[in-house]
Protein backbone atom coordinates (compact mmCIF):
# COMPACT_ATOMS: atom_id res chain seq x y z
CA MET A 1 -0.01 0.00 0.01
CA GLU A 2 2.84 2.35 0.84
CA GLU A 3 4.56 1.56 -2.43
CA PHE A 4 1.41 2.41 -4.38
CA GLU A 5 1.12 5.78 -2.61
CA ALA A 6 4.72 6.61 -3.29
CA LEU A 7 4.26 5.81 -7.01
CA LEU A 8 1.10 7.88 -7.13
CA ASN A 9 2.88 10.84 -5.53
CA GLU A 10 5.77 10.43 -7.95
CA SER A 11 3.35 10.53 -10.91
CA PHE A 12 1.80 13.68 -9.56
CA ASP A 13 5.21 15.32 -9.15
CA ILE A 14 6.05 14.45 -12.73
CA ASP A 15 2.74 15.34 -14.34
CA THR A 16 1.49 18.31 -12.30
CA PRO A 17 2.83 21.43 -14.07
CA GLN A 18 4.51 24.18 -12.03
CA GLU A 19 2.74 27.46 -11.40
CA GLY A 20 4.36 30.21 -13.54
CA SER A 21 4.90 27.98 -16.58
CA VAL A 22 3.30 27.79 -20.00
CA VAL A 23 1.14 24.66 -20.66
CA LYS A 24 -1.04 23.33 -23.50
CA GLY A 25 -4.79 23.08 -23.10
CA LYS A 26 -7.93 22.21 -25.05
CA VAL A 27 -11.02 24.45 -25.44
CA LEU A 28 -13.98 22.53 -23.90
CA ALA A 29 -16.60 25.23 -24.27
CA ILE A 30 -17.19 28.94 -25.05
CA GLU A 31 -19.78 30.68 -22.79
CA ALA A 32 -20.39 34.16 -21.33
CA GLY A 33 -17.41 35.74 -23.17
CA GLN A 34 -15.05 33.16 -21.80
CA ALA A 35 -13.35 30.02 -23.03
CA ILE A 36 -13.31 27.00 -20.69
CA ILE A 37 -9.97 25.19 -21.17
CA ASP A 38 -8.86 21.76 -20.00
CA VAL A 39 -5.17 21.98 -19.15
CA GLY A 40 -5.02 18.23 -18.14
CA TYR A 41 -4.32 16.80 -14.74
CA LYS A 42 -8.04 17.08 -14.09
CA MET A 43 -7.71 20.92 -14.15
CA GLU A 44 -9.83 23.40 -16.00
CA GLY A 45 -9.61 27.16 -16.20
CA ARG A 46 -11.36 30.11 -17.77
CA VAL A 47 -9.88 32.74 -20.16
CA GLU A 48 -11.56 35.92 -21.43
CA LEU A 49 -12.18 35.64 -25.18
CA LYS A 50 -10.63 39.02 -25.84
CA GLU A 51 -7.22 37.46 -24.98
CA PHE A 52 -7.54 35.52 -28.21
CA ALA A 53 -8.19 38.58 -30.35
CA LYS A 54 -5.56 40.63 -32.16
CA PRO A 55 -5.79 44.41 -31.78
CA GLY A 56 -8.86 45.63 -33.54
CA GLU A 57 -9.95 42.13 -34.64
CA ALA A 58 -12.53 39.51 -33.49
CA PRO A 59 -11.34 36.58 -31.26
CA GLU A 60 -10.20 33.60 -33.33
CA ILE A 61 -11.07 30.55 -31.15
CA GLU A 62 -13.31 27.48 -31.42
CA VAL A 63 -14.24 24.47 -29.23
CA GLY A 64 -11.60 21.76 -29.69
CA ASP A 65 -8.79 24.22 -30.42
CA GLU A 66 -5.49 23.51 -28.73
CA VAL A 67 -4.06 26.65 -27.11
CA GLU A 68 -1.13 27.63 -24.93
CA VAL A 69 -1.91 29.25 -21.56
CA TYR A 70 0.11 30.50 -18.68
CA LEU A 71 -0.62 28.69 -15.38
CA ARG A 72 -0.74 31.37 -12.73
CA GLN A 73 -2.34 29.23 -9.95
CA VAL A 74 -3.13 25.50 -9.81
CA GLU A 75 -6.38 25.98 -7.90
CA ASN A 76 -8.36 28.97 -6.78
CA ALA A 77 -11.27 29.24 -4.31
CA ARG A 78 -13.64 27.70 -6.91
CA GLY A 79 -11.35 24.80 -7.47
CA GLU A 80 -10.37 26.04 -10.94
CA ALA A 81 -6.93 26.68 -12.38
CA VAL A 82 -6.07 30.35 -12.87
CA ILE A 83 -4.78 30.61 -16.45
CA SER A 84 -4.04 33.34 -19.06
CA HIS A 85 -3.63 33.03 -22.82
CA GLU A 86 -2.23 36.55 -23.06
CA MET A 87 0.48 35.90 -20.52
CA ALA A 88 1.41 32.73 -22.33
CA ARG A 89 1.76 34.73 -25.50
CA ARG A 90 3.74 37.32 -23.68
CA GLU A 91 6.18 34.79 -22.23
CA ALA A 92 6.65 33.21 -25.62
CA ALA A 93 7.00 36.62 -27.21
CA TRP A 94 9.65 37.73 -24.66
CA ASP A 95 11.67 34.56 -25.32
CA ARG A 96 11.48 35.26 -29.09
CA LEU A 97 12.19 39.00 -28.72
CA GLU A 98 15.18 38.51 -26.45
CA LYS A 99 16.75 36.24 -29.01
CA ALA A 100 16.04 38.72 -31.79
CA TYR A 101 17.52 41.58 -29.70
CA ALA A 102 20.67 39.53 -29.02
CA ASP A 103 21.04 38.68 -32.72
CA GLU A 104 20.15 42.32 -33.73
CA ASN A 105 17.37 41.04 -35.90
CA ARG A 106 14.23 42.97 -36.82
CA VAL A 107 10.87 42.01 -35.28
CA GLU A 108 7.37 42.27 -36.69
CA GLY A 109 4.71 44.19 -35.00
CA ALA A 110 1.73 46.55 -35.39
CA ILE A 111 1.10 50.01 -33.90
CA PHE A 112 -2.20 49.79 -31.99
CA GLY A 113 -2.39 52.74 -29.63
CA ARG A 114 -1.30 56.29 -28.90
CA VAL A 115 0.32 57.20 -25.57
CA LYS A 116 2.11 60.26 -24.23
CA GLY A 117 5.32 60.77 -26.22
CA GLY A 118 4.64 58.04 -28.80
CA PHE A 119 2.75 54.84 -29.58
CA THR A 120 2.20 51.28 -28.35
CA VAL A 121 3.23 48.38 -30.59
CA ASP A 122 2.07 44.78 -30.33
CA LEU A 123 5.04 42.52 -31.04
CA GLY A 124 2.99 39.32 -31.11
CA GLY A 125 2.20 39.13 -27.42
CA ALA A 126 4.55 41.71 -25.86
CA VAL A 127 3.71 45.41 -25.88
CA ALA A 128 6.51 47.80 -26.82
CA PHE A 129 6.85 51.60 -26.73
CA LEU A 130 7.56 53.44 -29.97
CA PRO A 131 8.76 57.03 -29.24
CA GLY A 132 7.37 59.75 -31.55
CA SER A 133 10.90 60.61 -32.78
CA GLN A 134 11.39 56.98 -33.90
CA VAL A 135 8.30 56.68 -36.11
CA ASP A 136 9.85 58.14 -39.25
CA VAL A 137 12.93 59.89 -40.67
CA ARG A 138 10.95 63.12 -40.71
CA PRO A 139 8.32 64.21 -38.17
CA VAL A 140 4.95 62.48 -38.80
CA ARG A 141 1.90 64.70 -38.53
CA ASP A 142 -0.71 61.92 -38.94
CA ALA A 143 0.15 58.35 -37.83
CA GLY A 144 -3.40 57.11 -38.77
CA PRO A 145 -2.36 55.23 -41.92
CA LEU A 146 0.33 53.33 -39.90
CA MET A 147 -2.10 51.97 -37.24
CA GLY A 148 -2.66 48.18 -37.27
CA LEU A 149 -0.25 47.77 -40.16
CA LYS A 150 2.16 44.82 -39.82
CA GLN A 151 5.69 46.07 -40.31
CA PRO A 152 9.24 45.54 -39.12
CA PHE A 153 10.72 47.25 -36.07
CA GLN A 154 14.19 47.42 -34.52
CA ILE A 155 14.48 46.80 -30.76
CA LEU A 156 16.45 49.64 -29.22
CA LYS A 157 16.38 48.39 -25.62
CA MET A 158 14.47 45.90 -23.47
CA ASP A 159 14.19 44.99 -19.75
CA ARG A 160 12.20 41.81 -19.01
CA ARG A 161 12.13 42.36 -15.30
CA ARG A 162 10.44 45.67 -15.71
CA GLY A 163 8.50 44.62 -18.75
CA ASN A 164 9.95 47.51 -20.88
CA ILE A 165 10.63 47.31 -24.60
CA VAL A 166 11.58 50.32 -26.79
CA VAL A 167 11.40 49.97 -30.61
CA SER A 168 12.15 52.04 -33.64
CA ARG A 169 10.56 52.17 -37.09
CA ARG A 170 12.93 54.96 -38.19
CA ALA A 171 16.03 52.81 -37.82
CA ILE A 172 14.53 50.39 -40.40
CA LEU A 173 13.69 53.24 -42.81
CA GLU A 174 17.14 54.76 -42.47
CA GLU A 175 18.78 51.44 -43.14
CA SER A 176 16.74 50.87 -46.27
CA ARG A 177 17.28 54.50 -47.23
CA ALA A 178 21.05 54.05 -46.76
CA GLU A 179 20.90 50.99 -48.97
CA GLN A 180 18.96 52.92 -51.55
CA ARG A 181 21.41 55.87 -51.26
CA ALA A 182 24.36 53.53 -51.68
CA GLU A 183 22.73 52.07 -54.76
CA VAL A 184 22.10 55.54 -56.30
CA ILE A 185 25.58 56.83 -55.33
CA ALA A 186 27.20 53.79 -56.90
CA LYS A 187 25.75 54.91 -60.22
CA LEU A 188 27.04 58.49 -59.91
CA HIS A 189 30.51 59.78 -60.60
CA GLU A 190 32.13 63.22 -60.39
CA GLY A 191 31.64 65.34 -63.51
CA MET A 192 28.42 63.53 -64.48
CA ALA A 193 25.40 65.64 -65.51
CA VAL A 194 22.07 64.47 -64.06
CA ASP A 195 18.52 65.71 -63.66
CA GLY A 196 17.16 66.32 -60.19
CA VAL A 197 14.17 67.86 -58.42
CA VAL A 198 14.54 70.80 -56.05
CA LYS A 199 13.32 69.58 -52.64
CA ASN A 200 14.29 72.39 -50.32
CA ILE A 201 15.70 75.92 -50.55
CA THR A 202 17.83 77.56 -47.84
CA GLU A 203 19.85 80.78 -47.53
CA TYR A 204 23.00 79.03 -48.64
CA GLY A 205 21.72 76.74 -51.39
CA ALA A 206 19.19 74.13 -52.47
CA PHE A 207 18.77 70.40 -51.84
CA VAL A 208 18.17 68.45 -55.05
CA ASP A 209 16.73 64.87 -55.11
CA LEU A 210 18.65 62.76 -57.53
CA GLY A 211 16.29 59.78 -57.17
CA GLY A 212 16.50 58.63 -53.56
CA VAL A 213 19.53 60.63 -52.58
CA ASP A 214 19.90 64.40 -51.97
CA GLY A 215 22.72 66.59 -53.20
CA LEU A 216 23.57 70.13 -52.10
CA LEU A 217 23.64 72.73 -54.79
CA HIS A 218 25.48 75.64 -53.11
CA VAL A 219 24.47 79.17 -53.99
CA THR A 220 27.92 79.99 -55.34
CA ASP A 221 27.62 77.06 -57.80
CA MET A 222 24.20 78.05 -59.23
CA ALA A 223 25.41 80.69 -61.68
CA TRP A 224 28.54 82.54 -62.70
CA ARG A 225 26.93 85.77 -61.66
CA ARG A 226 26.35 86.82 -58.06
CA VAL A 227 23.16 85.22 -56.58
CA ASN A 228 21.92 86.87 -53.42
CA HIS A 229 19.36 84.17 -52.60
CA PRO A 230 18.71 80.76 -54.25
CA SER A 231 15.02 81.57 -54.64
CA GLU A 232 16.04 84.14 -57.31
CA ILE A 233 16.64 81.34 -59.80
CA LEU A 234 15.10 78.19 -58.30
CA SER A 235 11.70 77.04 -56.99
CA ILE A 236 10.71 73.90 -55.00
CA GLY A 237 9.54 71.08 -57.26
CA GLU A 238 11.44 72.35 -60.26
CA THR A 239 13.49 69.86 -62.31
CA VAL A 240 17.05 71.08 -62.89
CA LYS A 241 20.10 69.74 -64.74
CA VAL A 242 23.11 69.64 -62.45
CA GLN A 243 26.64 68.37 -62.49
CA VAL A 244 28.08 66.17 -59.74
CA ILE A 245 31.04 68.08 -58.45
CA LYS A 246 32.08 65.93 -55.51
CA ILE A 247 30.96 62.67 -53.80
CA ASN A 248 32.08 61.93 -50.28
CA LYS A 249 32.00 58.07 -50.14
CA GLU A 250 32.08 58.00 -46.34
CA THR A 251 29.40 60.56 -45.50
CA HIS A 252 27.49 60.07 -48.80
CA ARG A 253 27.41 63.83 -49.23
CA ILE A 254 27.08 65.04 -52.79
CA SER A 255 28.00 68.50 -53.98
CA LEU A 256 26.23 69.71 -57.13
CA GLY A 257 26.71 72.61 -59.53
CA MET A 258 24.69 74.32 -62.24
CA LYS A 259 27.13 76.92 -63.51
CA GLN A 260 29.65 74.17 -64.39
CA LEU A 261 27.36 73.19 -67.26
CA GLN A 262 27.53 76.71 -68.74
CA ASP A 263 30.45 78.51 -70.44
CA ASP A 264 32.77 80.27 -68.03
CA PRO A 265 32.60 84.01 -68.86
CA TRP A 266 36.14 84.42 -67.49
CA ASP A 267 37.52 82.59 -70.55
CA THR A 268 36.85 85.66 -72.66
CA VAL A 269 37.29 88.51 -70.10
CA GLU A 270 40.67 89.71 -71.41
CA ALA A 271 39.36 89.92 -75.00
CA LYS A 272 36.07 91.59 -74.03
CA PHE A 273 37.43 94.06 -71.45
CA PRO A 274 40.90 95.26 -72.51
CA LEU A 275 42.91 97.49 -70.13
CA ALA A 276 41.90 101.21 -70.17
CA SER A 277 38.62 100.40 -71.94
CA VAL A 278 35.47 102.02 -70.57
CA HIS A 279 32.23 100.06 -69.95
CA THR A 280 28.86 100.53 -68.37
CA GLY A 281 28.14 98.22 -65.47
CA ARG A 282 25.71 97.74 -62.61
CA VAL A 283 26.65 98.14 -58.94
CA THR A 284 25.91 94.82 -57.23
CA ASN A 285 27.43 95.21 -53.78
CA ILE A 286 28.87 97.97 -51.64
CA THR A 287 31.49 97.44 -48.88
CA ASP A 288 33.64 99.69 -46.73
CA TYR A 289 36.55 99.26 -49.16
CA GLY A 290 34.74 99.77 -52.45
CA ALA A 291 31.91 98.77 -54.74
CA PHE A 292 31.49 95.65 -56.95
CA VAL A 293 30.30 96.38 -60.48
CA GLU A 294 28.92 93.65 -62.78
CA LEU A 295 30.33 94.08 -66.31
CA GLU A 296 28.38 91.09 -67.61
CA PRO A 297 26.64 88.09 -65.89
CA GLY A 298 29.37 86.26 -64.00
CA VAL A 299 32.02 88.97 -64.31
CA GLU A 300 32.32 91.45 -61.49
CA GLY A 301 35.05 93.99 -60.87
CA LEU A 302 35.96 95.98 -57.81
CA VAL A 303 36.13 99.77 -57.83
CA HIS A 304 38.43 100.32 -54.81
CA VAL A 305 37.42 103.29 -52.64
CA SER A 306 40.61 105.06 -53.75
CA GLU A 307 39.47 104.86 -57.42
CA MET A 308 35.96 106.17 -56.86
CA SER A 309 36.34 109.92 -56.80
CA TRP A 310 39.03 112.55 -57.50
CA THR A 311 37.80 114.70 -54.67
CA LYS A 312 35.92 112.59 -52.06
CA LYS A 313 38.81 110.90 -50.34
CA ASN A 314 37.54 109.74 -46.98
CA VAL A 315 33.92 109.04 -47.84
CA HIS A 316 32.10 105.67 -47.62
CA PRO A 317 31.53 104.21 -51.11
CA GLY A 318 27.77 104.15 -50.35
CA LYS A 319 27.76 107.95 -50.46
CA ILE A 320 29.19 107.96 -53.95
CA VAL A 321 27.23 105.07 -55.64
CA SER A 322 24.14 103.06 -54.77
CA THR A 323 23.26 99.35 -55.35
CA SER A 324 21.76 98.63 -58.82
CA GLN A 325 23.08 101.96 -60.13
CA GLU A 326 24.43 101.97 -63.71
CA VAL A 327 27.95 103.46 -63.77
CA GLU A 328 30.72 104.05 -66.30
CA VAL A 329 34.02 102.37 -65.28
CA MET A 330 37.44 101.93 -66.72
CA VAL A 331 39.35 98.59 -66.67
CA LEU A 332 42.56 99.14 -64.70
CA GLU A 333 43.83 95.58 -64.15
CA ILE A 334 42.80 91.96 -64.91
CA ASP A 335 43.97 88.87 -63.01
CA THR A 336 42.37 85.85 -64.71
CA GLN A 337 43.99 83.37 -62.30
CA LYS A 338 42.45 85.04 -59.29
CA ARG A 339 39.38 86.00 -61.32
CA ARG A 340 39.72 89.68 -60.37
CA VAL A 341 39.09 92.85 -62.31
CA SER A 342 40.16 96.19 -60.89
CA LEU A 343 38.00 99.06 -62.08
CA GLY A 344 38.15 102.83 -61.78
CA LEU A 345 35.22 105.20 -61.56
CA LYS A 346 37.15 108.50 -61.37
CA GLN A 347 39.21 107.52 -64.51
CA THR A 348 36.09 108.02 -66.67
CA MET A 349 36.05 111.72 -65.63
CA ARG A 350 38.80 114.27 -66.23
CA ASN A 351 41.16 115.08 -63.36
CA PRO A 352 39.54 118.29 -61.95
CA TRP A 353 43.00 119.70 -61.10
CA GLU A 354 44.03 119.34 -64.75
CA VAL A 355 40.90 121.04 -65.83
CA PHE A 356 41.36 123.83 -63.32
CA ALA A 357 45.01 124.37 -64.38
CA GLU A 358 43.85 124.70 -68.03
CA THR A 359 41.00 127.09 -67.26
CA HIS A 360 42.62 129.10 -64.44
CA PRO A 361 46.26 130.02 -65.24
CA GLU A 362 48.34 131.76 -62.57
CA GLY A 363 47.08 135.29 -61.91
CA THR A 364 43.42 134.34 -62.57
CA GLN A 365 40.99 135.83 -60.04
CA VAL A 366 38.55 133.31 -58.44
CA GLU A 367 35.68 133.39 -55.98
CA GLY A 368 34.72 130.69 -53.49
CA GLU A 369 33.31 129.78 -50.07
CA VAL A 370 35.56 129.34 -47.05
CA LYS A 371 35.21 125.58 -46.42
CA ASN A 372 37.69 125.20 -43.59
CA ILE A 373 39.98 127.34 -41.42
CA THR A 374 43.20 125.75 -40.08
CA GLU A 375 46.27 126.97 -38.22
CA PHE A 376 48.08 127.49 -41.48
CA GLY A 377 45.46 129.06 -43.69
CA LEU A 378 42.03 129.02 -45.35
CA PHE A 379 40.58 126.35 -47.61
CA VAL A 380 38.36 127.81 -50.32
CA GLY A 381 35.91 125.77 -52.45
CA LEU A 382 36.51 126.12 -56.21
CA ASP A 383 34.98 124.86 -59.48
CA GLY A 384 35.10 121.08 -59.97
CA ASP A 385 34.48 120.34 -56.28
CA ILE A 386 38.07 120.99 -55.34
CA ASP A 387 39.69 123.28 -52.79
CA GLY A 388 42.40 125.90 -52.98
CA MET A 389 44.46 127.08 -50.00
CA VAL A 390 45.28 130.63 -48.96
CA HIS A 391 48.36 130.41 -46.73
CA LEU A 392 48.56 132.69 -43.70
CA SER A 393 51.32 134.66 -45.44
CA ASP A 394 49.00 135.32 -48.43
CA LEU A 395 46.15 136.90 -46.50
CA SER A 396 47.28 140.51 -45.99
CA TRP A 397 50.15 142.91 -46.76
CA ASP A 398 49.64 144.94 -43.58
CA GLN A 399 48.69 142.33 -40.89
CA ARG A 400 50.48 139.29 -39.64
CA GLY A 401 48.77 136.06 -40.90
CA GLU A 402 47.65 134.99 -37.42
CA GLU A 403 45.83 138.30 -37.01
CA ALA A 404 44.46 138.47 -40.54
CA ILE A 405 42.89 134.95 -40.37
CA ARG A 406 40.61 136.14 -37.55
CA ASN A 407 38.72 138.32 -40.07
CA TYR A 408 37.49 135.18 -41.84
CA HIS A 409 34.72 132.66 -40.93
CA LYS A 410 33.48 129.36 -42.39
CA GLY A 411 30.93 130.10 -45.11
CA ASP A 412 32.36 133.48 -46.07
CA VAL A 413 32.60 134.03 -49.80
CA VAL A 414 36.02 135.40 -50.69
CA GLN A 415 37.97 136.43 -53.77
CA ALA A 416 41.57 135.42 -54.38
CA VAL A 417 44.21 135.14 -57.06
CA VAL A 418 45.58 131.78 -58.31
CA THR A 419 49.31 131.75 -57.58
CA GLU A 420 50.17 128.08 -58.32
CA VAL A 421 48.47 124.80 -59.47
CA ASP A 422 50.26 121.54 -58.77
CA VAL A 423 48.27 118.80 -60.60
CA ASP A 424 50.34 115.88 -59.29
CA LYS A 425 50.09 116.92 -55.65
CA GLU A 426 46.47 118.06 -56.23
CA ARG A 427 47.25 121.40 -54.65
CA ILE A 428 46.11 124.88 -55.58
CA SER A 429 47.71 127.93 -53.93
CA LEU A 430 45.64 131.11 -53.72
CA SER A 431 46.46 134.62 -52.48
CA ILE A 432 44.01 137.14 -51.13
CA LYS A 433 46.60 139.90 -50.65
CA ALA A 434 47.55 139.67 -54.31
CA LEU A 435 44.16 141.27 -55.10
CA ASP A 436 45.62 144.53 -53.74
CA ASP A 437 47.76 145.70 -56.68
CA SER A 438 48.21 149.32 -55.44
CA PHE A 439 51.95 148.68 -55.26
CA THR A 440 51.98 147.65 -58.90
CA GLU A 441 50.03 150.76 -59.82
CA ALA A 442 52.36 152.96 -57.76
CA VAL A 443 55.63 151.59 -59.02
CA GLY A 444 54.43 150.38 -62.44
CA SER A 445 56.83 152.62 -64.41
CA VAL A 446 59.68 152.26 -61.96
CA LYS A 447 62.48 149.91 -63.02
CA ARG A 448 65.73 148.92 -61.54
CA GLY A 449 68.24 151.74 -62.08
CA SER A 450 65.60 154.47 -62.10
CA ILE A 451 66.22 157.70 -60.14
CA VAL A 452 63.12 158.65 -58.06
CA THR A 453 62.37 161.34 -55.49
CA VAL A 454 61.20 159.98 -52.12
CA THR A 455 59.97 161.68 -48.91
CA VAL A 456 61.53 160.86 -45.56
CA THR A 457 58.86 159.53 -43.18
CA ALA A 458 60.93 158.36 -40.21
CA ILE A 459 64.48 158.46 -38.83
CA GLU A 460 65.90 155.35 -37.17
CA ASP A 461 69.36 154.25 -35.94
CA GLY A 462 69.80 151.78 -38.79
CA GLY A 463 68.66 154.09 -41.52
CA ILE A 464 65.69 156.12 -42.75
CA GLU A 465 62.16 155.16 -43.79
CA VAL A 466 60.96 156.78 -47.02
CA GLU A 467 57.78 156.74 -49.10
CA TYR A 468 57.26 156.76 -52.82
CA GLU A 469 53.73 157.02 -54.21
CA GLY A 470 52.28 155.37 -51.06
CA ALA A 471 54.79 152.53 -51.11
CA LYS A 472 57.14 152.53 -48.10
CA SER A 473 60.76 151.51 -48.20
CA PHE A 474 63.77 151.57 -45.87
CA ILE A 475 67.20 152.86 -46.78
CA ARG A 476 69.88 151.28 -44.62
CA ARG A 477 72.63 153.40 -43.02
CA SER A 478 75.26 151.97 -45.44
CA ASP A 479 73.19 153.22 -48.44
CA LEU A 480 72.76 156.82 -47.17
CA SER A 481 76.03 158.03 -48.81
CA ARG A 482 79.21 156.81 -50.53
CA ASP A 483 81.10 158.93 -47.99
CA ARG A 484 81.19 157.03 -44.66
CA ALA A 485 81.21 160.32 -42.72
CA GLU A 486 77.84 161.19 -44.28
CA GLN A 487 76.16 157.86 -43.49
CA ARG A 488 74.34 159.39 -40.59
CA PRO A 489 70.51 159.08 -40.45
CA GLU A 490 70.28 162.20 -38.23
CA ARG A 491 71.40 164.46 -41.07
CA PHE A 492 67.94 163.89 -42.57
CA GLN A 493 64.64 165.22 -41.30
CA VAL A 494 61.10 163.91 -41.69
CA GLY A 495 59.58 165.50 -44.77
CA ASP A 496 62.90 165.88 -46.62
CA LYS A 497 62.78 165.15 -50.32
CA VAL A 498 65.67 162.93 -51.43
CA ASP A 499 66.70 161.60 -54.89
CA VAL A 500 67.47 157.87 -54.77
CA ARG A 501 68.40 155.12 -57.17
CA VAL A 502 66.14 152.03 -57.42
CA THR A 503 68.19 148.92 -56.83
CA ASN A 504 65.34 146.36 -56.74
CA VAL A 505 61.63 146.07 -57.34
CA ASP A 506 60.10 143.10 -55.36
CA GLN A 507 56.45 142.54 -56.30
CA LYS A 508 56.02 139.72 -53.75
CA THR A 509 57.08 141.75 -50.71
CA ARG A 510 55.84 145.05 -52.24
CA ARG A 511 59.18 146.59 -51.52
CA LEU A 512 61.50 148.95 -53.48
CA GLY A 513 65.22 148.58 -52.86
CA LEU A 514 66.51 152.22 -52.71
CA SER A 515 70.02 153.69 -52.26
CA ILE A 516 71.51 157.28 -52.17
CA LYS A 517 74.97 155.78 -52.34
CA ALA A 518 74.13 153.96 -55.55
CA ARG A 519 72.79 157.19 -57.05
CA GLU A 520 76.03 159.05 -56.22
CA ILE A 521 78.21 156.30 -57.69
CA ALA A 522 76.11 156.25 -60.85
CA GLU A 523 76.29 160.03 -61.27
CA GLU A 524 80.06 159.99 -60.80
CA LYS A 525 80.42 157.23 -63.43
CA GLU A 526 78.25 159.15 -65.82
CA ALA A 527 80.26 162.34 -65.33
CA VAL A 528 83.52 160.52 -65.95
CA GLU A 529 82.18 159.06 -69.18
CA GLN A 530 80.87 162.50 -70.34
CA TYR A 531 83.67 164.89 -69.40
CA GLY A 532 86.84 163.01 -69.15
CA SER A 533 88.95 160.29 -70.61
CA SER A 534 91.90 158.39 -69.40
CA ASP A 535 94.34 160.27 -71.60
CA SER A 536 93.08 163.86 -71.18
CA GLY A 537 95.22 164.53 -68.07
CA ALA A 538 92.26 166.10 -66.34
CA SER A 539 91.88 165.34 -62.62
CA LEU A 540 88.69 164.02 -60.99
CA GLY A 541 88.21 167.44 -59.46
CA ASP A 542 88.35 169.12 -62.87
CA ILE A 543 85.77 166.69 -64.20
CA LEU A 544 83.38 167.17 -61.31
CA GLY A 545 83.84 170.91 -61.50
CA ALA A 546 83.01 170.90 -65.20
CA ALA A 547 79.99 168.70 -64.55
CA LEU A 548 78.75 171.03 -61.84
CA LYS A 549 79.15 174.08 -64.15
CA GLY A 550 77.23 172.18 -66.81
CA ASP A 551 74.40 171.62 -64.33
CA ASN A 552 74.29 175.25 -63.46
């Protein structure tokens, strides 16, 4: 009897399944939304029919079907086994998924619900989380068409103890996209011309779809001419012919160009725009250092700020020209290697200093506005937008320059005489005091060697001051007489009339050089020539006596 009991217990140990394991059972009946299942060992349990239904579908189960269930408890209060088909599926699914995860294989599933931050995916018994960012390569606005659709997913991470699985649909798409890209790129080679569709336009260029792979068409490669924004010449959806400039095999980046399929205008620049030739161009860009002028589409030259104006030296180029303005320019230099053309704006106009020199010779009287007053003179505005300078020393005959300049103010209109024009140094010298030609009028007939009568106006230690027709002069002590004993200023009185010889006429300083001594020497020489000769035997006294008698 004991042996029989031991065998019976042994058979129970062998045949009775463990709680927490998956067992096979047979559907005995379907009633009240439940399936009654015989799991053997004289045990039956109930499972809700919905556990046999796929998301959004009707339950697929009939009496007699053999199904797998998870044995949660051998016997409950009603004497039934507590079983679950869903948990059985889940256990089986986890086993399968863990193997797929380890092998880095894809798994099949269907999106069946929306949760915060993403979606739920049924992976054939286990529920996974699909983050919103992992649905597609680009953000998905409407995931409706993807719901319930069987498709592959990549497991990103899983934790069986916590029951967490995170999957990605995007990884699959990127992989297939990468394969597709590799296939397309394999057919492309640098220098090849292909058709593509403009997909996107940015500030710096456009992305062109070449049939599954995008290439970047940079703004500088769209045309030989300057393109400010790609939208000027391209629109989204447009089909364009492009050339493959570069393919990076590692990153799969493709650089495209449009201008490379057109003739390079620089090939004919030297022939079309010879040095010193003048052309009309359009201002395309203005910078601090000059303005760019388009001579023809694709050929731009720089007018450096120093070549913009003869007269406006320290002015921003934007104050001389404006964008889109048509201007005449001269070609100064061409560097085809660096693709640079140097242009001049001022060279198309005559040098205003040359023009002024031709039209205003020295001595010409001019009129202009005082533009600036400096410590060394006045700047006066003249024809041709140029300035002339009146130096302190050229302001007045009677006043010191520092005193005379105080009589002038910015904006005053003054008259002056041109005294010098230096075209190379771009300098015009003017004189205001030269306007006063009273000295010239007074001494106009007086020449060097003339004898004139002057009036003594002042007696000084070093000589005497005299006046002739309003022009004052000074006779030094040494010139008062040929006789040293008579070289005394005090022998003269103010008001005395004295005959003097003119030794110099200086128009610049308005001074006459006068000398009594020179007059006496000249008279003696004349007397000798007139009354005596070297062989007459007459003495100097005789000659002078005869001369004096002749005068009487």
